[in-house]
Each structure stands twice: as structure tokens, then as C-alpha cells.
Amino acid sequence: MPLLEVERVSKDFGGVRAVHDVSFTLEEGELLGIMGPNGSGKTTLFNLIAGALVPDGGRIRLAGQDIAGLAPHRICARGVARTFQLVRPFAGLSALENVLVGRLYGRARGRAAGAVAEAERLLALVGLEDRAHEPAARLTFVDKKRLELARALATSPALLLLDEFLAGLNPAETASAMALVRRLVGEGITVLMVEHIVWALMDLSRRVLVLSAGEKIADGPPAAVAADPAVVDVYLGGAGGARARA
């Protein structure tokens, strides 16, 4: 059974079609990349899966259980966590305290045992162990990105949604972030990733799904998707297609 099943999901906004009849599955331990031009429906699809939006039609199942229309905190409790394009940590809290919020929220007191140690482990995982007690407001942009990831991981997700995790990073930071994503997948976390940096998404993903005008136009291995004429025409263009295949 796939971990995530999206079946003929649609969402309109005042007659404007944002997502239309999109279907795909995601297996446990897989990293699926989602790409497409601006306005193609990527963020809307993420919001539908995470519960920020309710689909107008279709079904979304996590481990066989229907989650479409559930509140975000209920979907999170079932094992879905996400990062956001705009990172907004609790500025007045330390990095450690930010992670503890994600670790402790909604948990019974008995399940809070070891929360500090786990939060410290997650900060070390993302490279922030030396800044655990630093206020989040004083962190650099890239460190806030790392903190955002640690906060998501603090909920112990089965499925992690990464929304533009590489955006705004320099080449060295991008390489480090990609290595971290690979490590998470290696540890068994299933990842659904939206990213505009095409070469990075192609390099990280086992499969790539392409959206255009709210519809799925391709879904397959990166090399096959990069060579798909519909993808080249709608999104990559000639030069982009050549770079993606390189």
C-alpha cells in the first residue's frame, strides 16, 4: 500500500482552476519531486495535502486513511509535516525552544519524556547544535531554514513536505542542504518536495511529477521527464531541457 494516495484531486478559486484532476501515489521511503512554472498548482497541492485547503473533489489518503478536509493539526498528528517557503520561527525563543514547541505540542505529559534530548539531536542533525540557545531572531537566513526543518522533524513525520527548501541558498549551502535531504530519505523519511531549482530536484528525486495550469503533465524518472516533449515545451524550454538532462 502506498504511504500517500492522491486521487483525482481538484481545487478551484472563484472559478479559477488551481488544481484539476491530479492523481499520484508516493511509496514509503521515496522522494518525489514536484515541479512546474509559477501558478501551476504546486503550493495549492501542498496545501491540500497538509490540510490548509479542502479539496473540491477527489480523495487524499495517508496509509490508507482518508485525510482530505481534516484540520492541519490533525493531519500533522497522523504523520505529515511541512516546511514553508517563508520561514517564520518564534523569534523570541531559542532554536532549542522552537524545536521543543514542535516536539511537545499536542502530546500527553507522559510522552514528553526525552523531548529535550530529541530536540538537541535534531538540531545536531541540521547543523545547529552550537546555536541551540541562540534566539531564532539572530539566526542567519540559512540557519532559519535549518531550524524550520528541525521543527518539522520534531513531530516525527512519516511524510515530510519540503516547500522550496533550497530557495535563496548559495551553491555551497545548496549542496549541504541536498546532502541533508538525502540523509533524511536514507533514514526512512518519505519526502514530497516542491522546488524551482530544476537540476537539484532532478538530482534528488527518484520520480518527478510536473504540473502545468493545475494539471499533471508528466510523472516518472527524472531522465524520462526531462526528455518529455510536453515538459520541455511547457516548462523547461530548449536550454532548460538540456541542463536538466546533463
C-alpha atoms as a PDB file:
ATOM      1  CA  MET A   1       0.000   0.000   0.000  1.00  0.00           C
ATOM      2  CA  PRO A   2       1.396   3.444  -0.890  1.00  0.00           C
ATOM      3  CA  LEU A   3       2.024   5.805   2.003  1.00  0.00           C
ATOM      4  CA  LEU A   4       0.251   8.649   0.171  1.00  0.00           C
ATOM      5  CA  GLU A   5      -2.505   8.343  -2.421  1.00  0.00           C
ATOM      6  CA  VAL A   6      -3.834  11.412  -4.208  1.00  0.00           C
ATOM      7  CA  GLU A   7      -6.808  10.511  -6.377  1.00  0.00           C
ATOM      8  CA  ARG A   8      -8.389  12.942  -8.858  1.00  0.00           C
ATOM      9  CA  VAL A   9      -7.958  15.925  -6.553  1.00  0.00           C
ATOM     10  CA  SER A  10      -9.255  19.319  -7.714  1.00  0.00           C
ATOM     11  CA  LYS A  11      -9.420  22.827  -6.278  1.00  0.00           C
ATOM     12  CA  ASP A  12     -10.917  25.994  -7.777  1.00  0.00           C
ATOM     13  CA  PHE A  13     -10.786  29.568  -6.523  1.00  0.00           C
ATOM     14  CA  GLY A  14     -13.747  31.601  -7.740  1.00  0.00           C
ATOM     15  CA  GLY A  15     -13.895  29.694 -10.988  1.00  0.00           C
ATOM     16  CA  VAL A  16     -10.126  29.739 -11.486  1.00  0.00           C
ATOM     17  CA  ARG A  17      -8.803  26.199 -11.731  1.00  0.00           C
ATOM     18  CA  ALA A  18      -5.782  25.822  -9.432  1.00  0.00           C
ATOM     19  CA  VAL A  19      -5.557  22.016  -9.340  1.00  0.00           C
ATOM     20  CA  HIS A  20      -7.564  19.779 -11.661  1.00  0.00           C
ATOM     21  CA  ASP A  21      -7.971  16.011 -11.502  1.00  0.00           C
ATOM     22  CA  VAL A  22      -4.452  15.332 -10.176  1.00  0.00           C
ATOM     23  CA  SER A  23      -3.597  11.764  -9.181  1.00  0.00           C
ATOM     24  CA  PHE A  24      -0.373  10.168  -7.959  1.00  0.00           C
ATOM     25  CA  THR A  25       0.963   7.823  -5.304  1.00  0.00           C
ATOM     26  CA  LEU A  26       4.022   8.005  -3.085  1.00  0.00           C
ATOM     27  CA  GLU A  27       5.669   4.900  -1.686  1.00  0.00           C
ATOM     28  CA  GLU A  28       7.193   4.726   1.775  1.00  0.00           C
ATOM     29  CA  GLY A  29      10.847   5.802   1.701  1.00  0.00           C
ATOM     30  CA  GLU A  30      10.530   7.520  -1.689  1.00  0.00           C
ATOM     31  CA  LEU A  31      11.422  11.099  -2.592  1.00  0.00           C
ATOM     32  CA  LEU A  32       9.024  12.532  -5.159  1.00  0.00           C
ATOM     33  CA  GLY A  33       9.842  15.916  -6.648  1.00  0.00           C
ATOM     34  CA  ILE A  34       7.127  18.267  -7.883  1.00  0.00           C
ATOM     35  CA  MET A  35       7.943  20.990 -10.380  1.00  0.00           C
ATOM     36  CA  GLY A  36       6.171  23.342 -12.722  1.00  0.00           C
ATOM     37  CA  PRO A  37       6.053  27.006 -13.712  1.00  0.00           C
ATOM     38  CA  ASN A  38       4.686  29.669 -11.401  1.00  0.00           C
ATOM     39  CA  GLY A  39       0.938  29.282 -10.990  1.00  0.00           C
ATOM     40  CA  SER A  40       0.968  25.615 -11.950  1.00  0.00           C
ATOM     41  CA  GLY A  41      -0.658  24.500  -8.683  1.00  0.00           C
ATOM     42  CA  LYS A  42       2.317  23.210  -6.697  1.00  0.00           C
ATOM     43  CA  THR A  43       1.695  25.146  -3.491  1.00  0.00           C
ATOM     44  CA  THR A  44      -2.060  24.581  -3.735  1.00  0.00           C
ATOM     45  CA  LEU A  45      -1.427  20.845  -3.955  1.00  0.00           C
ATOM     46  CA  PHE A  46       0.810  21.024  -0.870  1.00  0.00           C
ATOM     47  CA  ASN A  47      -1.880  22.960   0.980  1.00  0.00           C
ATOM     48  CA  LEU A  48      -4.480  20.343   0.083  1.00  0.00           C
ATOM     49  CA  ILE A  49      -2.310  17.518   1.395  1.00  0.00           C
ATOM     50  CA  ALA A  50      -1.361  19.380   4.585  1.00  0.00           C
ATOM     51  CA  GLY A  51      -4.922  20.465   5.356  1.00  0.00           C
ATOM     52  CA  ALA A  52      -4.581  24.197   4.777  1.00  0.00           C
ATOM     53  CA  LEU A  53      -7.159  23.836   1.985  1.00  0.00           C
ATOM     54  CA  VAL A  54     -10.098  21.485   1.481  1.00  0.00           C
ATOM     55  CA  PRO A  55     -10.333  19.860  -1.971  1.00  0.00           C
ATOM     56  CA  ASP A  56     -13.427  20.448  -4.095  1.00  0.00           C
ATOM     57  CA  GLY A  57     -13.185  16.891  -5.348  1.00  0.00           C
ATOM     58  CA  GLY A  58     -11.075  13.774  -5.096  1.00  0.00           C
ATOM     59  CA  ARG A  59      -9.513  11.818  -2.251  1.00  0.00           C
ATOM     60  CA  ILE A  60      -6.274  12.040  -0.292  1.00  0.00           C
ATOM     61  CA  ARG A  61      -5.252   9.005   1.751  1.00  0.00           C
ATOM     62  CA  LEU A  62      -2.344   8.563   4.145  1.00  0.00           C
ATOM     63  CA  ALA A  63      -1.512   4.933   4.932  1.00  0.00           C
ATOM     64  CA  GLY A  64      -4.967   4.016   3.657  1.00  0.00           C
ATOM     65  CA  GLN A  65      -6.835   6.549   5.810  1.00  0.00           C
ATOM     66  CA  ASP A  66      -8.719   9.450   4.232  1.00  0.00           C
ATOM     67  CA  ILE A  67      -7.243  12.792   5.373  1.00  0.00           C
ATOM     68  CA  ALA A  68      -8.866  15.163   2.864  1.00  0.00           C
ATOM     69  CA  GLY A  69     -10.537  18.029   4.677  1.00  0.00           C
ATOM     70  CA  LEU A  70      -9.025  17.313   8.092  1.00  0.00           C
ATOM     71  CA  ALA A  71      -7.607  20.265  10.026  1.00  0.00           C
ATOM     72  CA  PRO A  72      -3.838  20.773   9.667  1.00  0.00           C
ATOM     73  CA  HIS A  73      -3.104  19.797  13.284  1.00  0.00           C
ATOM     74  CA  ARG A  74      -4.988  16.534  12.836  1.00  0.00           C
ATOM     75  CA  ILE A  75      -3.096  15.724   9.654  1.00  0.00           C
ATOM     76  CA  CYS A  76       0.154  16.549  11.452  1.00  0.00           C
ATOM     77  CA  ALA A  77      -0.818  14.180  14.267  1.00  0.00           C
ATOM     78  CA  ARG A  78      -1.271  11.443  11.661  1.00  0.00           C
ATOM     79  CA  GLY A  79       2.283  11.885  10.453  1.00  0.00           C
ATOM     80  CA  VAL A  80       2.514  14.726   7.918  1.00  0.00           C
ATOM     81  CA  ALA A  81       4.865  17.677   8.487  1.00  0.00           C
ATOM     82  CA  ARG A  82       5.830  20.510   6.177  1.00  0.00           C
ATOM     83  CA  THR A  83       8.242  23.368   5.809  1.00  0.00           C
ATOM     84  CA  PHE A  84       7.283  26.711   4.274  1.00  0.00           C
ATOM     85  CA  GLN A  85       8.847  28.978   1.658  1.00  0.00           C
ATOM     86  CA  LEU A  86       8.809  31.867   4.139  1.00  0.00           C
ATOM     87  CA  VAL A  87      10.400  30.697   7.367  1.00  0.00           C
ATOM     88  CA  ARG A  88       8.884  32.267  10.470  1.00  0.00           C
ATOM     89  CA  PRO A  89      10.319  30.833  13.672  1.00  0.00           C
ATOM     90  CA  PHE A  90       9.264  32.117  17.070  1.00  0.00           C
ATOM     91  CA  ALA A  91      11.727  35.000  17.085  1.00  0.00           C
ATOM     92  CA  GLY A  92      11.845  35.419  20.858  1.00  0.00           C
ATOM     93  CA  LEU A  93      12.510  31.744  21.538  1.00  0.00           C
ATOM     94  CA  SER A  94      15.839  29.997  21.245  1.00  0.00           C
ATOM     95  CA  ALA A  95      16.486  27.480  18.489  1.00  0.00           C
ATOM     96  CA  LEU A  96      16.077  24.676  21.032  1.00  0.00           C
ATOM     97  CA  GLU A  97      12.796  26.087  22.308  1.00  0.00           C
ATOM     98  CA  ASN A  98      11.478  26.382  18.749  1.00  0.00           C
ATOM     99  CA  VAL A  99      12.109  22.683  18.186  1.00  0.00           C
ATOM    100  CA  LEU A 100      10.587  21.807  21.551  1.00  0.00           C
ATOM    101  CA  VAL A 101       7.351  23.506  20.504  1.00  0.00           C
ATOM    102  CA  GLY A 102       7.098  21.081  17.601  1.00  0.00           C
ATOM    103  CA  ARG A 103       8.081  18.160  19.797  1.00  0.00           C
ATOM    104  CA  LEU A 104       5.685  18.829  22.655  1.00  0.00           C
ATOM    105  CA  TYR A 105       2.633  20.384  21.011  1.00  0.00           C
ATOM    106  CA  GLY A 106      -0.406  18.165  21.433  1.00  0.00           C
ATOM    107  CA  ARG A 107       1.438  15.440  23.314  1.00  0.00           C
ATOM    108  CA  ALA A 108       0.361  13.970  26.628  1.00  0.00           C
ATOM    109  CA  ARG A 109       2.700  14.691  29.522  1.00  0.00           C
ATOM    110  CA  GLY A 110       3.894  11.103  29.634  1.00  0.00           C
ATOM    111  CA  ARG A 111       5.073  11.303  26.020  1.00  0.00           C
ATOM    112  CA  ALA A 112       7.166  14.397  26.687  1.00  0.00           C
ATOM    113  CA  ALA A 113       9.956  12.413  28.320  1.00  0.00           C
ATOM    114  CA  GLY A 114      13.226  12.856  26.451  1.00  0.00           C
ATOM    115  CA  ALA A 115      11.925  15.819  24.462  1.00  0.00           C
ATOM    116  CA  VAL A 116      14.968  17.997  25.173  1.00  0.00           C
ATOM    117  CA  ALA A 117      17.388  15.260  24.163  1.00  0.00           C
ATOM    118  CA  GLU A 118      15.452  14.633  20.955  1.00  0.00           C
ATOM    119  CA  ALA A 119      15.345  18.353  20.162  1.00  0.00           C
ATOM    120  CA  GLU A 120      19.099  18.553  20.675  1.00  0.00           C
ATOM    121  CA  ARG A 121      19.569  15.545  18.377  1.00  0.00           C
ATOM    122  CA  LEU A 122      17.529  17.222  15.651  1.00  0.00           C
ATOM    123  CA  LEU A 123      19.469  20.468  15.968  1.00  0.00           C
ATOM    124  CA  ALA A 124      22.684  18.482  15.570  1.00  0.00           C
ATOM    125  CA  LEU A 125      21.212  16.704  12.546  1.00  0.00           C
ATOM    126  CA  VAL A 126      20.614  20.019  10.767  1.00  0.00           C
ATOM    127  CA  GLY A 127      23.913  21.548  11.923  1.00  0.00           C
ATOM    128  CA  LEU A 128      22.634  23.913  14.615  1.00  0.00           C
ATOM    129  CA  GLU A 129      23.956  22.216  17.744  1.00  0.00           C
ATOM    130  CA  ASP A 130      26.225  25.176  18.504  1.00  0.00           C
ATOM    131  CA  ARG A 131      23.315  27.622  18.275  1.00  0.00           C
ATOM    132  CA  ALA A 132      20.759  25.771  20.361  1.00  0.00           C
ATOM    133  CA  HIS A 133      20.406  28.574  22.897  1.00  0.00           C
ATOM    134  CA  GLU A 134      20.627  31.458  20.438  1.00  0.00           C
ATOM    135  CA  PRO A 135      17.411  33.438  19.824  1.00  0.00           C
ATOM    136  CA  ALA A 136      15.890  32.482  16.499  1.00  0.00           C
ATOM    137  CA  ALA A 137      15.736  36.151  15.509  1.00  0.00           C
ATOM    138  CA  ARG A 138      19.539  36.265  15.427  1.00  0.00           C
ATOM    139  CA  LEU A 139      19.993  33.278  13.151  1.00  0.00           C
ATOM    140  CA  THR A 140      21.092  33.747   9.552  1.00  0.00           C
ATOM    141  CA  PHE A 141      18.694  33.031   6.698  1.00  0.00           C
ATOM    142  CA  VAL A 142      20.177  29.608   6.014  1.00  0.00           C
ATOM    143  CA  ASP A 143      20.158  28.715   9.715  1.00  0.00           C
ATOM    144  CA  LYS A 144      16.493  29.689   9.922  1.00  0.00           C
ATOM    145  CA  LYS A 145      15.886  27.278   7.046  1.00  0.00           C
ATOM    146  CA  ARG A 146      17.648  24.555   9.008  1.00  0.00           C
ATOM    147  CA  LEU A 147      15.617  25.389  12.088  1.00  0.00           C
ATOM    148  CA  GLU A 148      12.422  25.192  10.040  1.00  0.00           C
ATOM    149  CA  LEU A 149      13.384  21.668   9.016  1.00  0.00           C
ATOM    150  CA  ALA A 150      14.238  20.655  12.585  1.00  0.00           C
ATOM    151  CA  ARG A 151      10.860  21.940  13.775  1.00  0.00           C
ATOM    152  CA  ALA A 152       9.091  19.837  11.154  1.00  0.00           C
ATOM    153  CA  LEU A 153      11.129  16.759  12.043  1.00  0.00           C
ATOM    154  CA  ALA A 154      10.271  17.258  15.720  1.00  0.00           C
ATOM    155  CA  THR A 155       6.755  15.985  15.013  1.00  0.00           C
ATOM    156  CA  SER A 156       8.216  12.592  13.953  1.00  0.00           C
ATOM    157  CA  PRO A 157       6.646  12.650  10.491  1.00  0.00           C
ATOM    158  CA  ALA A 158       6.160   9.675   8.226  1.00  0.00           C
ATOM    159  CA  LEU A 159       5.743  12.122   5.325  1.00  0.00           C
ATOM    160  CA  LEU A 160       7.727  15.351   5.044  1.00  0.00           C
ATOM    161  CA  LEU A 161       6.628  18.104   2.651  1.00  0.00           C
ATOM    162  CA  LEU A 162       9.515  20.388   1.664  1.00  0.00           C
ATOM    163  CA  ASP A 163       8.365  23.633   0.049  1.00  0.00           C
ATOM    164  CA  GLU A 164      11.221  25.451  -1.735  1.00  0.00           C
ATOM    165  CA  PHE A 165      13.754  24.255   0.854  1.00  0.00           C
ATOM    166  CA  LEU A 166      16.687  25.207  -1.407  1.00  0.00           C
ATOM    167  CA  ALA A 167      15.410  28.664  -2.366  1.00  0.00           C
ATOM    168  CA  GLY A 168      17.796  31.522  -1.602  1.00  0.00           C
ATOM    169  CA  LEU A 169      20.800  29.331  -0.821  1.00  0.00           C
ATOM    170  CA  ASN A 170      24.247  29.800  -2.358  1.00  0.00           C
ATOM    171  CA  PRO A 171      25.937  26.842  -4.123  1.00  0.00           C
ATOM    172  CA  ALA A 172      27.736  25.573  -1.007  1.00  0.00           C
ATOM    173  CA  GLU A 173      24.585  25.863   1.095  1.00  0.00           C
ATOM    174  CA  THR A 174      22.573  24.133  -1.624  1.00  0.00           C
ATOM    175  CA  ALA A 175      24.993  21.200  -1.682  1.00  0.00           C
ATOM    176  CA  SER A 176      24.811  20.917   2.111  1.00  0.00           C
ATOM    177  CA  ALA A 177      21.009  21.074   2.103  1.00  0.00           C
ATOM    178  CA  MET A 178      20.806  18.409  -0.608  1.00  0.00           C
ATOM    179  CA  ALA A 179      23.061  16.119   1.426  1.00  0.00           C
ATOM    180  CA  LEU A 180      20.774  16.620   4.415  1.00  0.00           C
ATOM    181  CA  VAL A 181      17.685  15.716   2.380  1.00  0.00           C
ATOM    182  CA  ARG A 182      19.414  12.553   1.160  1.00  0.00           C
ATOM    183  CA  ARG A 183      20.249  11.645   4.753  1.00  0.00           C
ATOM    184  CA  LEU A 184      16.617  12.023   5.799  1.00  0.00           C
ATOM    185  CA  VAL A 185      15.470   9.735   2.992  1.00  0.00           C
ATOM    186  CA  GLY A 186      18.207   7.291   3.982  1.00  0.00           C
ATOM    187  CA  GLU A 187      16.772   7.238   7.495  1.00  0.00           C
ATOM    188  CA  GLY A 188      13.379   6.207   6.143  1.00  0.00           C
ATOM    189  CA  ILE A 189      11.512   9.508   5.907  1.00  0.00           C
ATOM    190  CA  THR A 190       9.276   9.806   2.863  1.00  0.00           C
ATOM    191  CA  VAL A 191       9.670  13.186   1.161  1.00  0.00           C
ATOM    192  CA  LEU A 192       7.447  15.180  -1.178  1.00  0.00           C
ATOM    193  CA  MET A 193       9.452  18.148  -2.441  1.00  0.00           C
ATOM    194  CA  VAL A 194       8.478  21.253  -4.399  1.00  0.00           C
ATOM    195  CA  GLU A 195      11.489  23.033  -5.838  1.00  0.00           C
ATOM    196  CA  HIS A 196      12.240  25.584  -8.576  1.00  0.00           C
ATOM    197  CA  ILE A 197      15.925  24.622  -8.836  1.00  0.00           C
ATOM    198  CA  VAL A 198      15.388  22.045 -11.551  1.00  0.00           C
ATOM    199  CA  TRP A 199      18.828  20.420 -11.596  1.00  0.00           C
ATOM    200  CA  ALA A 200      18.739  19.909  -7.827  1.00  0.00           C
ATOM    201  CA  LEU A 201      15.243  18.432  -7.895  1.00  0.00           C
ATOM    202  CA  MET A 202      16.213  16.092 -10.721  1.00  0.00           C
ATOM    203  CA  ASP A 203      19.324  15.014  -8.833  1.00  0.00           C
ATOM    204  CA  LEU A 204      17.483  14.304  -5.573  1.00  0.00           C
ATOM    205  CA  SER A 205      14.309  12.657  -6.850  1.00  0.00           C
ATOM    206  CA  ARG A 206      13.573   9.084  -7.776  1.00  0.00           C
ATOM    207  CA  ARG A 207      10.474  10.351  -9.548  1.00  0.00           C
ATOM    208  CA  VAL A 208       9.407  13.777 -10.732  1.00  0.00           C
ATOM    209  CA  LEU A 209       5.838  14.974 -11.175  1.00  0.00           C
ATOM    210  CA  VAL A 210       5.250  18.017 -13.380  1.00  0.00           C
ATOM    211  CA  LEU A 211       2.251  20.329 -13.107  1.00  0.00           C
ATOM    212  CA  SER A 212       1.089  22.883 -15.649  1.00  0.00           C
ATOM    213  CA  ALA A 213      -2.032  25.034 -15.273  1.00  0.00           C
ATOM    214  CA  GLY A 214      -3.161  22.815 -12.416  1.00  0.00           C
ATOM    215  CA  GLU A 215      -2.888  19.549 -14.333  1.00  0.00           C
ATOM    216  CA  LYS A 216      -0.358  16.739 -14.185  1.00  0.00           C
ATOM    217  CA  ILE A 217       1.513  16.542 -17.479  1.00  0.00           C
ATOM    218  CA  ALA A 218       4.293  14.108 -16.525  1.00  0.00           C
ATOM    219  CA  ASP A 219       5.221  11.639 -13.785  1.00  0.00           C
ATOM    220  CA  GLY A 220       8.255   9.394 -13.981  1.00  0.00           C
ATOM    221  CA  PRO A 221      12.028   9.024 -13.594  1.00  0.00           C
ATOM    222  CA  PRO A 222      13.932  12.327 -13.878  1.00  0.00           C
ATOM    223  CA  ALA A 223      15.644  11.476 -17.167  1.00  0.00           C
ATOM    224  CA  ALA A 224      12.376  10.494 -18.814  1.00  0.00           C
ATOM    225  CA  VAL A 225      10.591  13.588 -17.521  1.00  0.00           C
ATOM    226  CA  ALA A 226      13.389  15.896 -18.680  1.00  0.00           C
ATOM    227  CA  ALA A 227      13.105  14.428 -22.180  1.00  0.00           C
ATOM    228  CA  ASP A 228       9.303  14.575 -22.300  1.00  0.00           C
ATOM    229  CA  PRO A 229       8.306  16.990 -25.116  1.00  0.00           C
ATOM    230  CA  ALA A 230       5.355  18.315 -23.098  1.00  0.00           C
ATOM    231  CA  VAL A 231       7.637  19.201 -20.187  1.00  0.00           C
ATOM    232  CA  VAL A 232      10.245  20.793 -22.421  1.00  0.00           C
ATOM    233  CA  ASP A 233       7.580  22.829 -24.194  1.00  0.00           C
ATOM    234  CA  VAL A 234       5.610  23.954 -21.130  1.00  0.00           C
ATOM    235  CA  TYR A 235       8.280  24.377 -18.502  1.00  0.00           C
ATOM    236  CA  LEU A 236      11.907  23.710 -19.316  1.00  0.00           C
ATOM    237  CA  GLY A 237      12.293  25.098 -22.804  1.00  0.00           C
ATOM    238  CA  GLY A 238      15.188  24.108 -25.017  1.00  0.00           C
ATOM    239  CA  ALA A 239      18.079  25.310 -22.864  1.00  0.00           C
ATOM    240  CA  GLY A 240      16.442  24.198 -19.637  1.00  0.00           C
ATOM    241  CA  GLY A 241      15.818  20.749 -21.028  1.00  0.00           C
ATOM    242  CA  ALA A 242      19.453  20.412 -21.991  1.00  0.00           C
ATOM    243  CA  ARG A 243      20.593  21.426 -18.491  1.00  0.00           C
ATOM    244  CA  ALA A 244      18.191  19.013 -16.824  1.00  0.00           C
ATOM    245  CA  ARG A 245      19.415  16.097 -18.939  1.00  0.00           C
ATOM    246  CA  ALA A 246      23.071  16.904 -18.261  1.00  0.00           C
END
